[in-house]
Amino acid sequence: MVGSLYATAMDQSTAHSYAWSREVLNKTDKICEGTPNREHFEDSIKHKDFMIFYGHGREDRLIGQDGDNLLDEQNLSYLSNKWCYWVACLAGKKLGPEAIKQGVKTVFCWDEIFVFSIDEDEEIFKEIANFVILSMLDGLSMGESFKKLKEYARKIEKKLRRRGKHTKADMVRWNVDHISLLGDEEVNIS
């Protein structure tokens, strides 16, 4: 099983998520890096089993490096029978459910804004963004990985509260509460 990772770096937020994506890309040879524009995406995803995306999302689309739509309702068919992991805000509201309707096996994404800090605690938010896909690379299914993420996030949230970092604890809770896992939870990287 081989997939493509598309990551944008077009502003401060995506520069951080792009850096986070390097951990995933460097962990395995089962993931190829794709150019995050629509033409390259539509050409390169045909021969892949899954799609990973780090960048900006809207309710009905993922935004490519050039600011144009990388993925929307018009080209979801390229993902038929594949699974997706999108670290992108809001895509779980409309795009994720529409992807499932159009034959995508599974979509892991956020249905609200993914919030994070860029201070000494940024690593926590990178771990939340990467946790499920890294766990899948270690052999777990997406559903098993998501359950482990929820357990991990509860521990981190408690730890932050003990340190008096209540806002960051709330951010962790928010991010985990707004994950959408749609479709077949048993997908894996094998």
N, C-alpha and C. Protein backbone atom coordinates (compact mmCIF):
# COMPACT_ATOMS: atom_id res chain seq x y z
N MET A 1 0.85 -1.17 0.00
CA MET A 1 0.00 0.00 0.00
C MET A 1 0.89 1.24 0.00
N VAL A 2 0.62 2.16 -0.91
CA VAL A 2 1.42 3.38 -1.06
C VAL A 2 0.48 4.57 -1.16
N GLY A 3 0.86 5.67 -0.52
CA GLY A 3 0.05 6.87 -0.56
C GLY A 3 0.85 8.10 -0.91
N SER A 4 0.15 9.21 -1.09
CA SER A 4 0.78 10.50 -1.37
C SER A 4 0.46 11.48 -0.26
N LEU A 5 1.46 12.27 0.10
CA LEU A 5 1.29 13.33 1.08
C LEU A 5 1.45 14.66 0.35
N TYR A 6 0.45 15.52 0.52
CA TYR A 6 0.46 16.86 -0.06
C TYR A 6 0.45 17.84 1.11
N ALA A 7 1.44 18.76 1.14
CA ALA A 7 1.50 19.73 2.23
C ALA A 7 1.82 21.10 1.65
N THR A 8 1.06 22.10 2.09
CA THR A 8 1.29 23.47 1.62
C THR A 8 2.07 24.24 2.68
N ALA A 9 2.76 25.28 2.23
CA ALA A 9 3.50 26.18 3.12
C ALA A 9 3.36 27.58 2.55
N MET A 10 2.16 28.15 2.69
CA MET A 10 1.89 29.43 2.05
C MET A 10 1.67 30.59 3.02
N ASP A 11 1.70 30.31 4.32
CA ASP A 11 1.58 31.35 5.34
C ASP A 11 2.11 30.77 6.65
N GLN A 12 2.00 31.54 7.74
CA GLN A 12 2.57 31.08 9.01
C GLN A 12 1.94 29.78 9.49
N SER A 13 0.63 29.66 9.41
CA SER A 13 -0.04 28.44 9.89
C SER A 13 0.41 27.22 9.10
N THR A 14 0.39 27.34 7.78
CA THR A 14 0.75 26.17 6.97
C THR A 14 2.25 25.90 6.99
N ALA A 15 3.06 26.90 7.28
CA ALA A 15 4.50 26.65 7.43
C ALA A 15 4.72 25.69 8.60
N HIS A 16 3.94 25.85 9.66
CA HIS A 16 4.06 24.94 10.81
C HIS A 16 3.54 23.55 10.46
N SER A 17 2.34 23.47 9.86
CA SER A 17 1.81 22.14 9.54
C SER A 17 2.67 21.45 8.49
N TYR A 18 3.27 22.21 7.59
CA TYR A 18 4.20 21.63 6.62
C TYR A 18 5.37 20.98 7.36
N ALA A 19 5.93 21.69 8.33
CA ALA A 19 7.04 21.14 9.12
C ALA A 19 6.60 19.87 9.85
N TRP A 20 5.37 19.86 10.38
CA TRP A 20 4.88 18.67 11.07
C TRP A 20 4.79 17.49 10.11
N SER A 21 4.41 17.76 8.87
CA SER A 21 4.23 16.68 7.90
C SER A 21 5.54 15.97 7.58
N ARG A 22 6.66 16.64 7.78
CA ARG A 22 7.96 16.03 7.49
C ARG A 22 8.20 14.79 8.35
N GLU A 23 7.70 14.82 9.59
CA GLU A 23 7.86 13.65 10.46
C GLU A 23 7.18 12.43 9.85
N VAL A 24 6.01 12.62 9.30
CA VAL A 24 5.27 11.53 8.67
C VAL A 24 5.99 11.06 7.40
N LEU A 25 6.37 12.00 6.57
CA LEU A 25 7.02 11.68 5.30
C LEU A 25 8.34 10.94 5.52
N ASN A 26 9.08 11.34 6.53
CA ASN A 26 10.39 10.74 6.77
C ASN A 26 10.34 9.41 7.50
N LYS A 27 9.17 9.01 7.97
CA LYS A 27 9.08 7.78 8.75
C LYS A 27 9.00 6.52 7.89
N THR A 28 8.60 6.64 6.65
CA THR A 28 8.35 5.44 5.84
C THR A 28 8.58 5.70 4.36
N ASP A 29 8.81 4.64 3.63
CA ASP A 29 8.89 4.76 2.17
C ASP A 29 7.55 4.42 1.52
N LYS A 30 6.50 4.24 2.33
CA LYS A 30 5.16 3.95 1.81
C LYS A 30 4.40 5.23 1.45
N ILE A 31 5.03 6.37 1.71
CA ILE A 31 4.39 7.66 1.43
C ILE A 31 5.30 8.48 0.52
N CYS A 32 4.76 8.89 -0.61
CA CYS A 32 5.48 9.73 -1.56
C CYS A 32 5.00 11.17 -1.39
N GLU A 33 5.89 12.12 -1.63
CA GLU A 33 5.47 13.52 -1.56
C GLU A 33 4.88 13.95 -2.89
N GLY A 34 3.73 14.59 -2.82
CA GLY A 34 3.08 15.10 -4.01
C GLY A 34 3.12 16.62 -4.03
N THR A 35 3.09 17.19 -5.21
CA THR A 35 3.02 18.64 -5.37
C THR A 35 1.58 19.08 -5.08
N PRO A 36 1.39 20.01 -4.14
CA PRO A 36 0.02 20.36 -3.73
C PRO A 36 -0.69 21.34 -4.67
N ASN A 37 -0.86 20.92 -5.92
CA ASN A 37 -1.72 21.67 -6.84
C ASN A 37 -2.64 20.67 -7.54
N ARG A 38 -3.73 21.17 -8.04
CA ARG A 38 -4.80 20.30 -8.55
C ARG A 38 -4.33 19.39 -9.68
N GLU A 39 -3.61 19.94 -10.65
CA GLU A 39 -3.18 19.14 -11.80
C GLU A 39 -2.29 17.98 -11.36
N HIS A 40 -1.30 18.26 -10.53
CA HIS A 40 -0.41 17.19 -10.07
C HIS A 40 -1.17 16.19 -9.21
N PHE A 41 -2.04 16.69 -8.34
CA PHE A 41 -2.84 15.80 -7.50
C PHE A 41 -3.64 14.82 -8.35
N GLU A 42 -4.36 15.34 -9.32
CA GLU A 42 -5.23 14.48 -10.14
C GLU A 42 -4.43 13.45 -10.93
N ASP A 43 -3.21 13.81 -11.31
CA ASP A 43 -2.37 12.87 -12.04
C ASP A 43 -1.72 11.84 -11.11
N SER A 44 -1.23 12.30 -9.97
CA SER A 44 -0.43 11.42 -9.10
C SER A 44 -1.24 10.51 -8.20
N ILE A 45 -2.45 10.89 -7.83
CA ILE A 45 -3.21 10.10 -6.86
C ILE A 45 -3.81 8.84 -7.50
N LYS A 46 -3.89 8.79 -8.80
CA LYS A 46 -4.51 7.65 -9.50
C LYS A 46 -3.91 6.31 -9.09
N HIS A 47 -2.62 6.28 -8.88
CA HIS A 47 -1.92 5.02 -8.61
C HIS A 47 -1.57 4.85 -7.13
N LYS A 48 -2.25 5.58 -6.27
CA LYS A 48 -1.99 5.51 -4.84
C LYS A 48 -3.20 4.92 -4.12
N ASP A 49 -2.96 4.43 -2.91
CA ASP A 49 -4.02 3.82 -2.10
C ASP A 49 -4.63 4.78 -1.09
N PHE A 50 -3.90 5.85 -0.75
CA PHE A 50 -4.42 6.80 0.23
C PHE A 50 -3.82 8.18 -0.01
N MET A 51 -4.48 9.19 0.59
CA MET A 51 -4.06 10.58 0.47
C MET A 51 -3.91 11.19 1.86
N ILE A 52 -2.80 11.88 2.07
CA ILE A 52 -2.57 12.65 3.30
C ILE A 52 -2.42 14.11 2.87
N PHE A 53 -3.05 15.01 3.62
CA PHE A 53 -2.97 16.44 3.28
C PHE A 53 -2.76 17.25 4.55
N TYR A 54 -1.82 18.20 4.49
CA TYR A 54 -1.58 19.18 5.54
C TYR A 54 -1.70 20.56 4.90
N GLY A 55 -2.66 21.35 5.35
CA GLY A 55 -2.82 22.69 4.80
C GLY A 55 -4.17 23.26 5.15
N HIS A 56 -4.56 24.28 4.42
CA HIS A 56 -5.84 24.95 4.69
C HIS A 56 -7.01 24.17 4.08
N GLY A 57 -8.09 24.17 4.83
CA GLY A 57 -9.33 23.59 4.34
C GLY A 57 -10.47 24.55 4.56
N ARG A 58 -11.50 24.34 3.84
CA ARG A 58 -12.78 25.02 4.02
C ARG A 58 -13.82 23.91 4.13
N GLU A 59 -15.04 24.26 4.40
CA GLU A 59 -16.08 23.25 4.57
C GLU A 59 -16.20 22.33 3.36
N ASP A 60 -15.95 22.86 2.18
CA ASP A 60 -16.20 22.10 0.96
C ASP A 60 -14.97 21.88 0.09
N ARG A 61 -13.77 22.13 0.62
CA ARG A 61 -12.58 21.97 -0.21
C ARG A 61 -11.28 21.99 0.60
N LEU A 62 -10.22 21.49 -0.03
CA LEU A 62 -8.85 21.62 0.46
C LEU A 62 -8.14 22.59 -0.48
N ILE A 63 -7.31 23.46 0.09
CA ILE A 63 -6.67 24.52 -0.68
C ILE A 63 -5.24 24.11 -1.03
N GLY A 64 -4.88 24.21 -2.31
CA GLY A 64 -3.54 23.87 -2.78
C GLY A 64 -2.55 24.99 -2.54
N GLN A 65 -1.29 24.72 -2.86
CA GLN A 65 -0.21 25.68 -2.65
C GLN A 65 -0.45 26.99 -3.39
N ASP A 66 -1.06 26.93 -4.54
CA ASP A 66 -1.30 28.12 -5.34
C ASP A 66 -2.54 28.91 -4.91
N GLY A 67 -3.22 28.44 -3.87
CA GLY A 67 -4.43 29.10 -3.39
C GLY A 67 -5.70 28.63 -4.08
N ASP A 68 -5.54 27.84 -5.13
CA ASP A 68 -6.69 27.26 -5.82
C ASP A 68 -7.13 25.98 -5.12
N ASN A 69 -8.28 25.49 -5.48
CA ASN A 69 -8.78 24.26 -4.87
C ASN A 69 -7.92 23.07 -5.31
N LEU A 70 -7.40 22.35 -4.34
CA LEU A 70 -6.71 21.09 -4.61
C LEU A 70 -7.75 19.98 -4.76
N LEU A 71 -8.71 19.99 -3.83
CA LEU A 71 -9.73 18.95 -3.80
C LEU A 71 -11.07 19.59 -3.45
N ASP A 72 -12.08 19.23 -4.22
CA ASP A 72 -13.44 19.68 -3.94
C ASP A 72 -14.40 18.63 -4.49
N GLU A 73 -15.66 18.92 -4.46
CA GLU A 73 -16.67 17.95 -4.90
C GLU A 73 -16.45 17.50 -6.35
N GLN A 74 -15.88 18.36 -7.16
CA GLN A 74 -15.70 18.07 -8.59
C GLN A 74 -14.65 16.99 -8.87
N ASN A 75 -13.65 16.84 -7.98
CA ASN A 75 -12.61 15.84 -8.26
C ASN A 75 -12.47 14.79 -7.16
N LEU A 76 -13.48 14.66 -6.32
CA LEU A 76 -13.46 13.61 -5.29
C LEU A 76 -13.40 12.21 -5.89
N SER A 77 -13.87 12.06 -7.10
CA SER A 77 -13.87 10.73 -7.72
C SER A 77 -12.46 10.14 -7.84
N TYR A 78 -11.45 10.99 -7.84
CA TYR A 78 -10.06 10.51 -7.89
C TYR A 78 -9.70 9.72 -6.62
N LEU A 79 -10.49 9.89 -5.58
CA LEU A 79 -10.21 9.22 -4.30
C LEU A 79 -11.11 8.01 -4.06
N SER A 80 -11.88 7.62 -5.04
CA SER A 80 -12.76 6.47 -4.88
C SER A 80 -11.96 5.24 -4.46
N ASN A 81 -12.47 4.54 -3.45
CA ASN A 81 -11.84 3.34 -2.88
C ASN A 81 -10.50 3.60 -2.22
N LYS A 82 -10.21 4.84 -1.87
CA LYS A 82 -8.99 5.19 -1.15
C LYS A 82 -9.40 5.72 0.22
N TRP A 83 -8.44 5.86 1.12
CA TRP A 83 -8.73 6.52 2.39
C TRP A 83 -7.91 7.80 2.48
N CYS A 84 -8.39 8.72 3.34
CA CYS A 84 -7.80 10.06 3.41
C CYS A 84 -7.54 10.47 4.85
N TYR A 85 -6.47 11.22 5.03
CA TYR A 85 -6.07 11.79 6.32
C TYR A 85 -5.77 13.26 6.05
N TRP A 86 -6.67 14.14 6.50
CA TRP A 86 -6.55 15.56 6.19
C TRP A 86 -6.34 16.37 7.46
N VAL A 87 -5.17 16.98 7.62
CA VAL A 87 -4.92 17.93 8.70
C VAL A 87 -5.26 19.30 8.11
N ALA A 88 -6.54 19.61 8.14
CA ALA A 88 -7.07 20.82 7.51
C ALA A 88 -8.34 21.23 8.24
N CYS A 89 -8.47 22.49 8.49
CA CYS A 89 -9.66 22.99 9.17
C CYS A 89 -10.92 22.79 8.33
N LEU A 90 -12.00 22.52 9.02
CA LEU A 90 -13.37 22.57 8.49
C LEU A 90 -13.76 21.51 7.47
N ALA A 91 -12.82 20.77 6.91
CA ALA A 91 -13.13 19.84 5.82
C ALA A 91 -14.11 18.74 6.22
N GLY A 92 -14.25 18.49 7.52
CA GLY A 92 -15.17 17.47 7.98
C GLY A 92 -16.63 17.88 7.93
N LYS A 93 -16.90 19.15 7.71
CA LYS A 93 -18.29 19.61 7.66
C LYS A 93 -19.02 19.13 6.41
N LYS A 94 -18.46 19.40 5.24
CA LYS A 94 -19.12 19.03 3.98
C LYS A 94 -18.27 18.11 3.11
N LEU A 95 -16.99 18.44 2.96
CA LEU A 95 -16.14 17.67 2.04
C LEU A 95 -15.98 16.23 2.49
N GLY A 96 -15.75 16.00 3.78
CA GLY A 96 -15.60 14.64 4.28
C GLY A 96 -16.84 13.79 4.04
N PRO A 97 -18.02 14.23 4.48
CA PRO A 97 -19.23 13.45 4.21
C PRO A 97 -19.49 13.25 2.72
N GLU A 98 -19.22 14.27 1.91
CA GLU A 98 -19.42 14.13 0.46
C GLU A 98 -18.44 13.11 -0.12
N ALA A 99 -17.22 13.08 0.41
CA ALA A 99 -16.23 12.10 -0.05
C ALA A 99 -16.74 10.68 0.19
N ILE A 100 -17.30 10.44 1.36
CA ILE A 100 -17.84 9.11 1.67
C ILE A 100 -18.97 8.77 0.70
N LYS A 101 -19.86 9.73 0.44
CA LYS A 101 -20.96 9.50 -0.51
C LYS A 101 -20.44 9.14 -1.89
N GLN A 102 -19.28 9.71 -2.25
CA GLN A 102 -18.72 9.48 -3.59
C GLN A 102 -17.76 8.29 -3.64
N GLY A 103 -17.72 7.47 -2.59
CA GLY A 103 -16.96 6.23 -2.68
C GLY A 103 -15.61 6.19 -2.01
N VAL A 104 -15.24 7.24 -1.27
CA VAL A 104 -14.00 7.20 -0.50
C VAL A 104 -14.21 6.26 0.68
N LYS A 105 -13.24 5.40 0.98
CA LYS A 105 -13.40 4.41 2.06
C LYS A 105 -13.50 5.07 3.43
N THR A 106 -12.57 5.96 3.71
CA THR A 106 -12.48 6.55 5.05
C THR A 106 -11.91 7.96 4.93
N VAL A 107 -12.40 8.86 5.77
CA VAL A 107 -11.84 10.20 5.86
C VAL A 107 -11.63 10.53 7.33
N PHE A 108 -10.41 10.93 7.67
CA PHE A 108 -10.05 11.45 8.98
C PHE A 108 -9.76 12.93 8.77
N CYS A 109 -10.50 13.81 9.47
CA CYS A 109 -10.32 15.24 9.27
C CYS A 109 -10.93 16.02 10.44
N TRP A 110 -10.84 17.33 10.37
CA TRP A 110 -11.42 18.20 11.39
C TRP A 110 -12.65 18.90 10.83
N ASP A 111 -13.70 19.00 11.67
CA ASP A 111 -14.92 19.69 11.22
C ASP A 111 -15.00 21.12 11.75
N GLU A 112 -13.98 21.55 12.45
CA GLU A 112 -13.86 22.93 12.93
C GLU A 112 -12.41 23.37 12.72
N ILE A 113 -12.10 24.55 13.20
CA ILE A 113 -10.74 25.08 13.11
C ILE A 113 -9.81 24.25 14.00
N PHE A 114 -8.66 23.84 13.47
CA PHE A 114 -7.63 23.18 14.26
C PHE A 114 -6.80 24.29 14.88
N VAL A 115 -6.77 24.33 16.21
CA VAL A 115 -6.05 25.40 16.90
C VAL A 115 -4.74 24.87 17.46
N PHE A 116 -3.71 25.73 17.49
CA PHE A 116 -2.42 25.34 18.03
C PHE A 116 -1.65 26.57 18.46
N SER A 117 -0.60 26.34 19.23
CA SER A 117 0.27 27.43 19.65
C SER A 117 1.63 27.23 19.00
N ILE A 118 2.38 28.31 18.87
CA ILE A 118 3.70 28.22 18.26
C ILE A 118 4.78 28.60 19.28
N ASP A 119 4.54 28.19 20.51
CA ASP A 119 5.51 28.45 21.57
C ASP A 119 6.11 27.13 22.03
N GLU A 120 6.52 27.07 23.28
CA GLU A 120 7.16 25.86 23.80
C GLU A 120 6.24 24.64 23.80
N ASP A 121 4.95 24.82 23.63
CA ASP A 121 4.00 23.70 23.63
C ASP A 121 3.55 23.30 22.22
N GLU A 122 4.16 23.84 21.19
CA GLU A 122 3.75 23.50 19.82
C GLU A 122 3.85 21.99 19.56
N GLU A 123 4.83 21.35 20.15
CA GLU A 123 5.03 19.91 19.95
C GLU A 123 3.77 19.11 20.28
N ILE A 124 3.04 19.54 21.29
CA ILE A 124 1.79 18.86 21.68
C ILE A 124 0.81 18.85 20.51
N PHE A 125 0.68 19.97 19.83
CA PHE A 125 -0.28 20.09 18.74
C PHE A 125 0.19 19.33 17.50
N LYS A 126 1.50 19.30 17.29
CA LYS A 126 2.04 18.47 16.21
C LYS A 126 1.73 17.01 16.49
N GLU A 127 1.89 16.58 17.74
CA GLU A 127 1.60 15.19 18.09
C GLU A 127 0.14 14.85 17.84
N ILE A 128 -0.76 15.77 18.16
CA ILE A 128 -2.19 15.53 17.91
C ILE A 128 -2.45 15.42 16.41
N ALA A 129 -1.85 16.31 15.63
CA ALA A 129 -2.04 16.28 14.18
C ALA A 129 -1.50 15.00 13.55
N ASN A 130 -0.38 14.50 14.06
CA ASN A 130 0.30 13.35 13.46
C ASN A 130 -0.04 12.02 14.10
N PHE A 131 -0.66 12.02 15.25
CA PHE A 131 -0.79 10.81 16.07
C PHE A 131 -1.40 9.63 15.32
N VAL A 132 -2.52 9.84 14.69
CA VAL A 132 -3.24 8.72 14.06
C VAL A 132 -2.45 8.15 12.89
N ILE A 133 -1.92 8.99 12.02
CA ILE A 133 -1.19 8.46 10.87
C ILE A 133 0.10 7.76 11.32
N LEU A 134 0.78 8.29 12.33
CA LEU A 134 1.99 7.63 12.82
C LEU A 134 1.65 6.29 13.47
N SER A 135 0.53 6.23 14.18
CA SER A 135 0.09 4.96 14.78
C SER A 135 -0.26 3.95 13.70
N MET A 136 -0.84 4.42 12.62
CA MET A 136 -1.15 3.53 11.50
C MET A 136 0.14 2.98 10.88
N LEU A 137 1.16 3.81 10.79
CA LEU A 137 2.44 3.34 10.27
C LEU A 137 3.06 2.30 11.19
N ASP A 138 2.67 2.32 12.46
CA ASP A 138 3.13 1.31 13.43
C ASP A 138 2.25 0.06 13.42
N GLY A 139 1.23 0.01 12.54
CA GLY A 139 0.45 -1.21 12.37
C GLY A 139 -0.98 -1.19 12.86
N LEU A 140 -1.42 -0.10 13.48
CA LEU A 140 -2.80 -0.04 13.97
C LEU A 140 -3.75 0.40 12.86
N SER A 141 -5.03 0.06 13.02
CA SER A 141 -6.05 0.57 12.10
C SER A 141 -6.31 2.04 12.43
N MET A 142 -7.01 2.72 11.55
CA MET A 142 -7.33 4.12 11.81
C MET A 142 -8.21 4.24 13.05
N GLY A 143 -9.19 3.36 13.19
CA GLY A 143 -10.07 3.41 14.36
C GLY A 143 -9.32 3.17 15.66
N GLU A 144 -8.43 2.17 15.67
CA GLU A 144 -7.62 1.90 16.87
C GLU A 144 -6.73 3.09 17.19
N SER A 145 -6.15 3.68 16.16
CA SER A 145 -5.27 4.83 16.34
C SER A 145 -6.03 6.02 16.91
N PHE A 146 -7.26 6.22 16.43
CA PHE A 146 -8.08 7.33 16.91
C PHE A 146 -8.42 7.14 18.39
N LYS A 147 -8.75 5.91 18.79
CA LYS A 147 -9.03 5.64 20.21
C LYS A 147 -7.81 5.95 21.06
N LYS A 148 -6.63 5.57 20.59
CA LYS A 148 -5.40 5.85 21.33
C LYS A 148 -5.13 7.35 21.40
N LEU A 149 -5.45 8.07 20.32
CA LEU A 149 -5.29 9.52 20.34
C LEU A 149 -6.17 10.14 21.42
N LYS A 150 -7.40 9.69 21.53
CA LYS A 150 -8.30 10.25 22.55
C LYS A 150 -7.75 10.00 23.96
N GLU A 151 -7.21 8.80 24.20
CA GLU A 151 -6.60 8.50 25.49
C GLU A 151 -5.39 9.40 25.74
N TYR A 152 -4.54 9.52 24.75
CA TYR A 152 -3.34 10.36 24.85
C TYR A 152 -3.74 11.81 25.13
N ALA A 153 -4.72 12.32 24.41
CA ALA A 153 -5.15 13.71 24.56
C ALA A 153 -5.70 13.97 25.97
N ARG A 154 -6.42 13.01 26.53
CA ARG A 154 -6.92 13.18 27.90
C ARG A 154 -5.76 13.34 28.88
N LYS A 155 -4.72 12.53 28.71
CA LYS A 155 -3.55 12.63 29.58
C LYS A 155 -2.85 13.98 29.42
N ILE A 156 -2.68 14.41 28.19
CA ILE A 156 -2.04 15.70 27.92
C ILE A 156 -2.87 16.84 28.49
N GLU A 157 -4.18 16.76 28.31
CA GLU A 157 -5.07 17.80 28.84
C GLU A 157 -4.93 17.91 30.36
N LYS A 158 -4.93 16.78 31.05
CA LYS A 158 -4.77 16.79 32.52
C LYS A 158 -3.42 17.35 32.92
N LYS A 159 -2.38 16.96 32.20
CA LYS A 159 -1.03 17.44 32.49
C LYS A 159 -0.96 18.97 32.33
N LEU A 160 -1.55 19.49 31.27
CA LEU A 160 -1.56 20.93 31.05
C LEU A 160 -2.33 21.65 32.15
N ARG A 161 -3.45 21.09 32.57
CA ARG A 161 -4.23 21.72 33.65
C ARG A 161 -3.45 21.75 34.95
N ARG A 162 -2.74 20.65 35.25
CA ARG A 162 -1.91 20.62 36.47
C ARG A 162 -0.84 21.71 36.43
N ARG A 163 -0.38 22.05 35.26
CA ARG A 163 0.63 23.10 35.09
C ARG A 163 0.02 24.50 35.01
N GLY A 164 -1.31 24.58 35.12
CA GLY A 164 -1.99 25.86 35.05
C GLY A 164 -2.18 26.39 33.64
N LYS A 165 -1.99 25.54 32.65
CA LYS A 165 -2.13 25.94 31.25
C LYS A 165 -3.52 25.55 30.75
N HIS A 166 -4.52 26.21 31.32
CA HIS A 166 -5.92 25.85 31.04
C HIS A 166 -6.34 26.16 29.61
N THR A 167 -5.86 27.26 29.06
CA THR A 167 -6.22 27.59 27.68
C THR A 167 -5.69 26.53 26.72
N LYS A 168 -4.46 26.11 26.92
CA LYS A 168 -3.89 25.07 26.04
C LYS A 168 -4.59 23.73 26.25
N ALA A 169 -4.98 23.44 27.48
CA ALA A 169 -5.75 22.22 27.73
C ALA A 169 -7.07 22.27 26.98
N ASP A 170 -7.71 23.44 26.99
CA ASP A 170 -8.95 23.61 26.24
C ASP A 170 -8.72 23.46 24.73
N MET A 171 -7.58 23.92 24.25
CA MET A 171 -7.25 23.79 22.83
C MET A 171 -7.10 22.31 22.45
N VAL A 172 -6.43 21.55 23.30
CA VAL A 172 -6.28 20.11 23.05
C VAL A 172 -7.65 19.46 22.99
N ARG A 173 -8.48 19.74 23.98
CA ARG A 173 -9.83 19.16 24.03
C ARG A 173 -10.61 19.55 22.77
N TRP A 174 -10.57 20.82 22.40
CA TRP A 174 -11.27 21.31 21.21
C TRP A 174 -10.85 20.51 19.98
N ASN A 175 -9.54 20.39 19.78
CA ASN A 175 -9.05 19.69 18.58
C ASN A 175 -9.55 18.25 18.52
N VAL A 176 -9.49 17.55 19.62
CA VAL A 176 -9.90 16.15 19.63
C VAL A 176 -11.42 16.02 19.50
N ASP A 177 -12.14 16.94 20.13
CA ASP A 177 -13.61 16.91 20.02
C ASP A 177 -14.11 17.18 18.60
N HIS A 178 -13.28 17.80 17.78
CA HIS A 178 -13.73 18.18 16.44
C HIS A 178 -13.09 17.37 15.33
N ILE A 179 -12.62 16.18 15.67
CA ILE A 179 -12.15 15.25 14.65
C ILE A 179 -13.36 14.50 14.10
N SER A 180 -13.39 14.38 12.80
CA SER A 180 -14.40 13.54 12.14
C SER A 180 -13.69 12.31 11.59
N LEU A 181 -14.15 11.15 11.99
CA LEU A 181 -13.67 9.89 11.42
C LEU A 181 -14.86 9.27 10.73
N LEU A 182 -14.86 9.31 9.41
CA LEU A 182 -16.00 8.90 8.60
C LEU A 182 -15.65 7.66 7.79
N GLY A 183 -16.57 6.72 7.71
CA GLY A 183 -16.37 5.54 6.88
C GLY A 183 -15.78 4.37 7.65
N ASP A 184 -15.01 3.56 6.96
CA ASP A 184 -14.44 2.32 7.48
C ASP A 184 -13.28 2.59 8.42
N GLU A 185 -13.48 2.35 9.71
CA GLU A 185 -12.44 2.61 10.71
C GLU A 185 -11.35 1.55 10.70
N GLU A 186 -11.55 0.46 9.98
CA GLU A 186 -10.57 -0.64 9.99
C GLU A 186 -9.47 -0.48 8.95
N VAL A 187 -9.48 0.60 8.16
CA VAL A 187 -8.42 0.77 7.17
C VAL A 187 -7.07 0.84 7.86
N ASN A 188 -6.04 0.35 7.16
CA ASN A 188 -4.69 0.38 7.71
C ASN A 188 -3.69 0.50 6.59
N ILE A 189 -2.44 0.64 6.96
CA ILE A 189 -1.34 0.67 6.00
C ILE A 189 -0.65 -0.68 6.13
N SER A 190 -0.86 -1.53 5.16
CA SER A 190 -0.22 -2.85 5.24
C SER A 190 0.55 -3.16 3.98
